[in-house]
Every structure is written in C-alpha cells, then in structure tokens.
Protein backbone atom coordinates (compact mmCIF):
# COMPACT_ATOMS: atom_id res chain seq x y z
CA MET A 1 60.54 33.41 126.75
CA SER A 2 62.99 31.39 124.71
CA GLN A 3 66.54 32.59 124.43
CA VAL A 4 67.98 32.64 120.92
CA LEU A 5 71.70 32.07 120.56
CA HIS A 6 73.29 34.03 117.74
CA THR A 7 76.39 32.36 116.33
CA PRO A 8 78.57 34.09 113.77
CA PRO A 9 78.25 32.70 110.31
CA PRO A 10 81.06 30.33 109.35
CA THR A 11 83.90 31.76 107.30
CA PRO A 12 83.37 30.70 103.75
CA ALA A 13 86.05 28.41 102.43
CA PRO A 14 88.12 29.85 99.61
CA PRO A 15 87.39 28.52 96.17
CA ALA A 16 89.30 25.36 95.33
CA ASP A 17 90.84 27.07 92.28
CA ASP A 18 92.32 30.01 94.27
CA PRO A 19 95.83 28.91 95.46
CA ALA A 20 96.69 32.34 96.86
CA ALA A 21 93.62 32.35 99.12
CA LEU A 22 94.31 28.80 100.28
CA ALA A 23 97.93 29.67 101.08
CA ALA A 24 96.85 32.73 103.08
CA ARG A 25 94.27 30.72 105.00
CA TYR A 26 96.74 28.09 106.11
CA GLY A 27 99.69 30.43 106.70
CA LEU A 28 101.79 29.23 103.79
CA SER A 29 104.42 31.41 102.12
CA VAL A 30 106.13 31.30 98.75
CA SER A 31 109.20 29.07 98.74
CA GLY A 32 112.32 31.06 97.91
CA ALA A 33 110.57 34.42 98.19
CA ARG A 34 112.87 37.42 98.28
CA PRO A 35 113.48 38.60 101.86
CA ALA A 36 113.68 42.24 102.85
CA LEU A 37 117.00 43.91 102.09
CA ARG A 38 118.11 44.11 105.74
CA GLU A 39 117.16 40.47 106.32
CA TYR A 40 119.01 39.50 103.15
CA VAL A 41 122.18 41.22 104.36
CA ARG A 42 121.85 39.41 107.70
CA GLN A 43 121.45 36.03 105.98
CA LEU A 44 124.47 36.74 103.79
CA TRP A 45 126.59 37.64 106.82
CA GLU A 46 125.55 34.40 108.54
CA ARG A 47 126.91 32.50 105.51
CA ARG A 48 130.29 34.27 105.58
CA HIS A 49 132.09 31.04 106.57
CA PHE A 50 130.46 29.22 103.64
CA ILE A 51 131.54 32.02 101.28
CA THR A 52 135.14 31.81 102.46
CA ALA A 53 135.25 28.01 102.36
CA PHE A 54 133.62 27.90 98.92
CA ALA A 55 136.11 30.42 97.52
CA THR A 56 139.08 28.53 98.98
CA ALA A 57 137.81 25.20 97.66
CA LYS A 58 137.33 26.64 94.17
CA LEU A 59 140.82 28.12 94.22
CA THR A 60 142.37 24.83 95.33
CA ALA A 61 140.49 22.83 92.70
CA GLN A 62 141.25 25.28 89.88
CA TYR A 63 144.67 23.82 89.07
CA SER A 64 144.28 20.42 90.75
CA GLN A 65 144.66 18.57 87.41
CA ALA A 66 147.86 20.41 86.43
CA LYS A 67 151.23 18.91 87.33
CA LEU A 68 152.53 22.23 88.62
CA GLY A 69 149.35 22.72 90.64
CA GLN A 70 149.05 26.03 92.47
CA VAL A 71 152.24 27.36 90.81
CA TRP A 72 150.01 28.37 87.91
CA GLN A 73 148.33 30.93 90.15
CA VAL A 74 151.51 32.97 89.80
CA MET A 75 152.77 31.70 86.45
CA THR A 76 149.64 32.61 84.47
CA PRO A 77 149.74 36.40 85.10
CA LEU A 78 153.54 36.38 84.80
CA LEU A 79 153.37 34.75 81.37
CA ASN A 80 150.70 37.25 80.32
CA ALA A 81 152.98 40.07 81.46
CA ALA A 82 155.87 38.59 79.45
CA VAL A 83 153.73 38.47 76.29
CA TYR A 84 152.52 42.05 76.80
CA TYR A 85 156.09 43.23 77.41
CA PHE A 86 157.26 41.76 74.11
CA ILE A 87 154.31 43.05 72.06
CA PHE A 88 153.68 46.44 73.63
CA GLY A 89 156.95 47.27 75.37
CA VAL A 90 159.38 46.07 72.70
CA LEU A 91 157.51 45.99 69.37
CA LEU A 92 155.22 48.98 69.95
CA GLY A 93 157.63 50.88 72.18
CA THR A 94 155.21 51.76 74.99
CA LYS A 95 158.03 51.39 77.51
CA ARG A 96 159.78 54.55 76.26
CA GLY A 97 159.57 57.31 78.82
CA VAL A 98 158.11 55.04 81.53
CA PRO A 99 160.53 54.46 84.44
CA ASP A 100 160.57 50.95 85.94
CA TYR A 101 158.51 49.69 83.03
CA ILE A 102 158.58 46.01 84.02
CA PRO A 103 157.26 46.66 87.57
CA PHE A 104 154.82 49.14 85.97
CA LEU A 105 153.58 46.48 83.53
CA VAL A 106 153.46 43.54 85.96
CA THR A 107 151.50 45.60 88.51
CA GLY A 108 149.01 46.59 85.82
CA VAL A 109 148.60 43.01 84.60
CA PHE A 110 148.08 41.59 88.10
CA ILE A 111 145.54 44.23 89.16
CA TRP A 112 143.69 44.07 85.85
CA THR A 113 143.54 40.26 86.01
CA PHE A 114 141.84 40.56 89.41
CA THR A 115 139.03 42.64 87.92
CA GLN A 116 138.77 40.65 84.71
CA SER A 117 138.61 37.26 86.43
CA SER A 118 136.11 38.45 89.04
CA ILE A 119 133.72 39.70 86.39
CA MET A 120 134.07 36.61 84.20
CA ALA A 121 133.51 34.30 87.17
CA GLY A 122 130.56 36.41 88.32
CA THR A 123 128.93 36.15 84.89
CA ARG A 124 128.72 32.36 85.32
CA ALA A 125 128.09 32.39 89.08
CA ILE A 126 124.41 31.46 88.79
CA SER A 127 124.16 29.83 85.36
CA GLY A 128 127.18 27.63 86.05
CA ASN A 129 125.98 26.48 89.48
CA LEU A 130 122.30 25.72 88.89
CA GLY A 131 122.54 22.40 90.71
CA LEU A 132 123.70 24.13 93.88
CA VAL A 133 121.17 26.95 93.49
CA ARG A 134 118.24 24.55 93.07
CA ALA A 135 119.31 22.09 95.77
CA LEU A 136 120.08 24.44 98.68
CA HIS A 137 118.45 27.50 100.19
CA PHE A 138 120.92 30.33 100.76
CA PRO A 139 121.34 33.97 99.66
CA ARG A 140 122.32 33.70 96.01
CA ALA A 141 124.62 36.71 96.34
CA ALA A 142 126.98 34.37 98.20
CA LEU A 143 128.03 32.91 94.84
CA PRO A 144 129.30 36.03 92.99
CA VAL A 145 130.84 37.33 96.24
CA SER A 146 132.66 34.05 96.78
CA PHE A 147 134.01 34.09 93.22
CA ALA A 148 135.29 37.64 93.72
CA LEU A 149 136.89 36.48 96.98
CA GLN A 150 138.50 33.56 95.15
CA GLN A 151 140.12 35.98 92.71
CA LEU A 152 141.31 38.14 95.60
CA GLN A 153 142.97 35.10 97.15
CA GLN A 154 144.66 34.34 93.85
CA LEU A 155 145.84 37.94 93.57
CA LEU A 156 147.45 37.70 97.01
CA PHE A 157 149.53 34.75 95.75
CA SER A 158 150.54 36.84 92.74
CA MET A 159 151.42 39.79 94.95
CA ALA A 160 154.15 37.70 96.56
CA ALA A 161 155.74 37.30 93.12
CA LEU A 162 155.19 41.01 92.43
CA VAL A 163 157.14 41.96 95.57
CA VAL A 164 160.05 39.82 94.38
CA ILE A 165 159.97 41.52 90.98
CA LEU A 166 159.91 44.98 92.55
CA LEU A 167 162.91 44.17 94.72
CA CYS A 168 164.83 42.62 91.81
CA PHE A 169 164.39 45.80 89.76
CA GLY A 170 165.58 48.04 92.56
CA VAL A 171 162.25 49.36 93.80
CA PRO A 172 162.76 50.02 97.53
CA VAL A 173 160.41 48.95 100.29
CA SER A 174 158.40 51.98 101.37
CA VAL A 175 155.73 52.95 103.87
CA SER A 176 153.51 53.72 100.87
CA TRP A 177 153.21 49.97 100.30
CA LEU A 178 150.65 49.99 103.12
CA LEU A 179 148.33 51.92 100.79
CA ALA A 180 147.94 48.70 98.81
CA VAL A 181 145.55 47.42 101.50
CA PRO A 182 142.81 50.09 101.10
CA VAL A 183 143.28 49.95 97.32
CA LEU A 184 142.56 46.20 97.33
CA VAL A 185 139.56 46.66 99.64
CA LEU A 186 138.07 49.26 97.30
CA GLN A 187 138.82 47.21 94.21
CA PHE A 188 137.34 44.06 95.76
CA THR A 189 134.14 45.97 96.59
CA PHE A 190 133.96 47.26 93.02
CA ASN A 191 134.66 43.83 91.52
CA ALA A 192 132.09 42.09 93.71
CA GLY A 193 129.44 44.66 92.78
CA VAL A 194 130.05 44.30 89.04
CA ALA A 195 130.18 40.50 89.45
CA MET A 196 126.70 40.59 91.02
CA VAL A 197 125.37 42.70 88.14
CA MET A 198 126.81 40.26 85.62
CA ALA A 199 125.58 37.26 87.64
CA ARG A 200 121.98 38.46 87.34
CA MET A 201 122.39 39.22 83.64
CA GLY A 202 124.15 35.91 83.02
CA ALA A 203 121.44 33.98 84.88
CA LYS A 204 118.81 35.33 82.49
CA THR A 205 120.95 35.34 79.34
CA PRO A 206 123.81 32.79 79.55
CA ASP A 207 125.12 33.87 76.12
CA ILE A 208 126.53 37.00 77.79
CA ALA A 209 129.39 34.82 79.03
CA GLN A 210 130.47 34.35 75.40
CA LEU A 211 130.45 38.10 74.75
CA MET A 212 132.26 39.22 77.90
CA PRO A 213 135.83 38.25 76.81
CA PHE A 214 135.58 40.73 73.93
CA VAL A 215 134.15 43.48 76.17
CA LEU A 216 136.84 42.90 78.81
CA ARG A 217 139.64 42.82 76.24
CA THR A 218 138.52 46.20 74.91
CA TRP A 219 138.29 47.54 78.45
CA MET A 220 141.83 46.32 79.16
CA TYR A 221 143.28 48.17 76.16
CA VAL A 222 141.87 51.52 77.36
CA SER A 223 142.82 51.00 81.03
CA GLY A 224 146.54 51.72 80.78
CA VAL A 225 147.64 48.18 81.63
CA MET A 226 150.48 48.19 79.09
CA TRP A 227 150.90 51.93 78.53
CA SER A 228 150.91 55.12 80.56
CA ILE A 229 147.65 57.09 80.53
CA ASP A 230 149.56 60.08 81.93
CA LYS A 231 151.87 60.14 78.87
CA VAL A 232 148.91 59.99 76.49
CA LEU A 233 146.97 62.74 78.26
CA SER A 234 150.03 65.00 78.40
CA LYS A 235 150.05 65.21 74.59
CA ASP A 236 146.67 66.98 74.73
CA HIS A 237 145.43 65.66 71.38
CA LEU A 238 142.33 63.87 72.66
CA PRO A 239 138.81 65.30 72.97
CA HIS A 240 137.93 66.48 76.46
CA TRP A 241 135.33 63.74 76.96
CA ALA A 242 137.89 61.08 76.08
CA MET A 243 140.37 62.47 78.60
CA ILE A 244 137.70 62.46 81.33
CA ALA A 245 136.73 58.89 80.43
CA LEU A 246 140.34 57.67 80.59
CA GLU A 247 140.94 59.40 83.93
CA SER A 248 137.70 58.13 85.48
CA ASN A 249 137.95 54.57 84.17
CA PRO A 250 137.62 52.48 87.38
CA ALA A 251 140.06 49.80 86.24
CA ALA A 252 142.68 52.45 85.44
CA VAL A 253 142.04 54.22 88.76
CA TYR A 254 142.74 51.10 90.83
CA ILE A 255 145.75 50.16 88.68
CA ASP A 256 147.30 53.62 89.04
CA LEU A 257 146.66 53.71 92.78
CA MET A 258 148.44 50.38 93.17
CA ARG A 259 151.35 51.61 91.06
CA TYR A 260 151.53 54.74 93.18
CA SER A 261 151.55 52.59 96.33
CA LEU A 262 154.28 50.18 95.23
CA ILE A 263 156.53 51.96 92.70
CA ASP A 264 158.48 54.96 93.95
CA SER A 265 159.03 56.33 90.42
CA PHE A 266 155.26 56.56 89.90
CA HIS A 267 154.44 59.97 91.35
CA ALA A 268 151.24 61.56 92.63
CA THR A 269 151.29 63.96 89.65
CA GLN A 270 150.55 60.97 87.39
CA LEU A 271 147.29 60.26 89.22
CA PRO A 272 144.00 61.81 88.06
CA PRO A 273 142.50 64.60 90.18
CA HIS A 274 140.66 63.50 93.34
CA VAL A 275 141.72 59.91 92.66
CA TRP A 276 140.81 58.57 96.11
CA ALA A 277 137.34 60.12 95.90
CA VAL A 278 136.87 58.54 92.48
CA ALA A 279 138.07 55.14 93.74
CA ILE A 280 135.72 55.27 96.73
CA GLY A 281 132.86 56.47 94.56
CA TRP A 282 133.22 53.60 92.10
CA ALA A 283 133.40 51.09 94.98
CA VAL A 284 130.24 52.46 96.64
CA VAL A 285 128.24 52.78 93.41
CA ALA A 286 129.22 49.35 92.08
CA GLY A 287 129.14 47.57 95.45
CA ALA A 288 125.82 48.91 96.75
CA GLY A 289 124.17 49.26 93.35
CA GLY A 290 125.23 45.81 92.20
CA PHE A 291 124.08 44.23 95.46
CA ILE A 292 120.61 45.81 95.28
CA TYR A 293 120.29 45.01 91.57
CA PHE A 294 121.12 41.36 92.28
CA TRP A 295 118.84 41.16 95.34
CA LYS A 296 115.81 42.39 93.39
CA ALA A 297 115.87 39.22 91.27
CA GLU A 298 116.65 36.84 94.16
CA GLU A 299 113.53 34.72 93.78
CA THR A 300 114.06 34.15 90.03
CA TYR A 301 117.46 32.45 90.21
CA GLY A 302 117.42 28.77 89.32
CA ARG A 303 113.86 28.78 88.04
CA GLY A 304 112.66 28.03 84.57
C-alpha cells in the first residue's frame, strides 16, 4: 500500500498591485506612523534634553545680530510697557485708582508677552521648521513645547528686571513672591497646550500666522494688561455674560495671580472667585487637550 504525503497548499502570494498586503507579508510598517499616546509621551520625555537645548539655542540666536544682544530680552517688554503707560496710563487715564500702577502695568505686560509669544511661536512651529521635520524622526510635539520653553526662559530674564522695578517703587519683598512659581508652571502648561493647538492648525493652514497678531491684540485689550478688570466690574454696567468672560479669561487669570503674588497693594478681593481652580482648570484643559489634539495629526506633519 503506497503512502500518500499530504502537504499544505502554498500560501498564495499577494497581488503585485496590493502594497498593504505586501507590507503585511514582509513585516513592514508605515514610516512616521503615529504611535500610541503612552508611547508618544515616553518618546517625548526621552527627547527632553533636545527640547531644552533647542529652546536655549533659539533664545541665544534670537538677538545674535543685534549690537546689544541679549539685552533686548529685557528691553523689548520694558519699551512696550513704556508705550502702554504713556497711551493708556497718561492719555486715557487708566492709572487713576490703581495703586502701584507702574509695577501693575509692567507685570501685566511681561506675563502677557509670555503667552502672546508662546502662541505666535507655536503657530509657526511646524510650518517654519519643515526641513527639520522632514529630515529627522522625533515626536513633533517637541517643537511647540520647546518654543514655549524658550519664551519661559526669556520671561525669567525679564523677571529680573521686574524685581528691580518693584523694589524701586517701594514694593517690599514678601513670602507671597513664592506663589509666582506655581503661577508660572500653570501658565507654561496653558501656553504649551495652546501652542500645540496652533501648531497643528498652522501646519495645515500657514496663513493663520498672518491672522494671529490681530487675534492676540484683541485678546490683550480684554485681558486687563493696561487696566484693572476689578475696577471695571465694580461699576456693574456690563452684561452678566461679559463679566463672567472677563473673570474667566485665562490670560487675565494668570496676570492677576502674578500681580497678587508680587504686588502687596493688589489684594485677594481683586481676584475672581475660585481663581486657583480656574487657573488649574485652564492649564489642564489646554495642556492635555492641546497635546492630544496635536498627537492625533502626528503622521501628517511635514507631508504634502
């Protein structure tokens, strides 16, 4: 009796015009595919030294062509504050009824500039660095985060000048100054989150970078940078929704918290209700939401 050997039929080769089947057969994966969220966070943490070095290098190169060099890191917001003081404080009289108006104004300008510059830099984070994005493989979120970190570093230089101004105008050193640290942490988280949102939008539509200066200028005027929100709300002539919007405005919240931390004449009664909860809420919503929103488009950056 002959013994018949049964061999399994050979696996049919995928059609030559089916790239997905060929890739699966040979274990190939899509280049630049979006990793899982947890893996993406891990990759970003591994690049933390790159993020810090990139931010520092950008900050150093920012004024490298100017004769005064890094002095402009402090001079630029100070000159802005001087212009705002003349226009709003003197001509429009917003300084009336506001104690320590110059420290009040300079603090507002410095803290607002931090948010404004972070968002503007984030808008161009991808579209302005396409060469880097296309040449190297790294989590793209490193770019908007590094630009936000660059603006934080610049703010710290400005804070040194702010301390001098506070002391010159008789504002005493206080334990409450330590509150500036958590305020900056929350504001940085908020700024980085919004920067990531704008980075994704700017990567798809670069023209947004031309529109943002007008949006940010409008936002600045309603954030109490040059005037006291508390004085306006105390007149009780605004609709209820407008009062809630002014009190909950994230830029105004971080500015007022910094004023409360540094200026002894700025009292807790001038802060909106539950201000710390609002500040933390904005940081969590913008930070986590912006990060996830940016991550979802990870594999599209630099293509097309």
